[in-house]
Amino acid sequence: MASMLGKAAERIKAAGSVTAAAVVPAGAGRHGPLIGNQYVAYDVGVDSIFQALAHPARRILVEELAGRNDQTLFELTVRLINNHGLAMTRQAVTKHLAVLREAGLVTTTTRGRTTVHHLDTAPLTTARKWLDALPPTSEDPA
């Protein structure tokens, strides 16, 4: 069981801060085990989504692809420079796109010698569900 859940999940479960239903075997969620406390259980993939969106340049890339999907690396680099004043090299943009791809937010297809980048908003559904499950603050309208 420890190999399936991982040592950290076992320690959390043993401490009693996680319900038995919240920690499940690997593969149960899209990206692995579900983790959380008695109030919120979430897919581990939420972490990679938030990490991918933590950098401002990656958020801008997502916005650019949301505004006009199916762009090449060159198109994205030019848009970052012209629309946002971000003078980034193609190599830097490639690294940011790789992080977004690892989080499942960007997919690529090859057309001849050209690689086209597509925005996939499906992984954001998991993050939205997690955010919606949080209790509202006193400032939030009920």
Foldseek 3Di string as FASTA:
>chain_A
DCVFQDPVQVVCVVVVQADPVLFDGFPPDPHTTWHDGPQATADPLLVLVCVLVVDPLSVVLLVVCVVPNWAFLVVSQVCCCVVPVDNDDSVVVVVSVVSCVVSVQWDWDDDPPTITIGGDCVSVVRVVVRVVSDDDDPPDDD
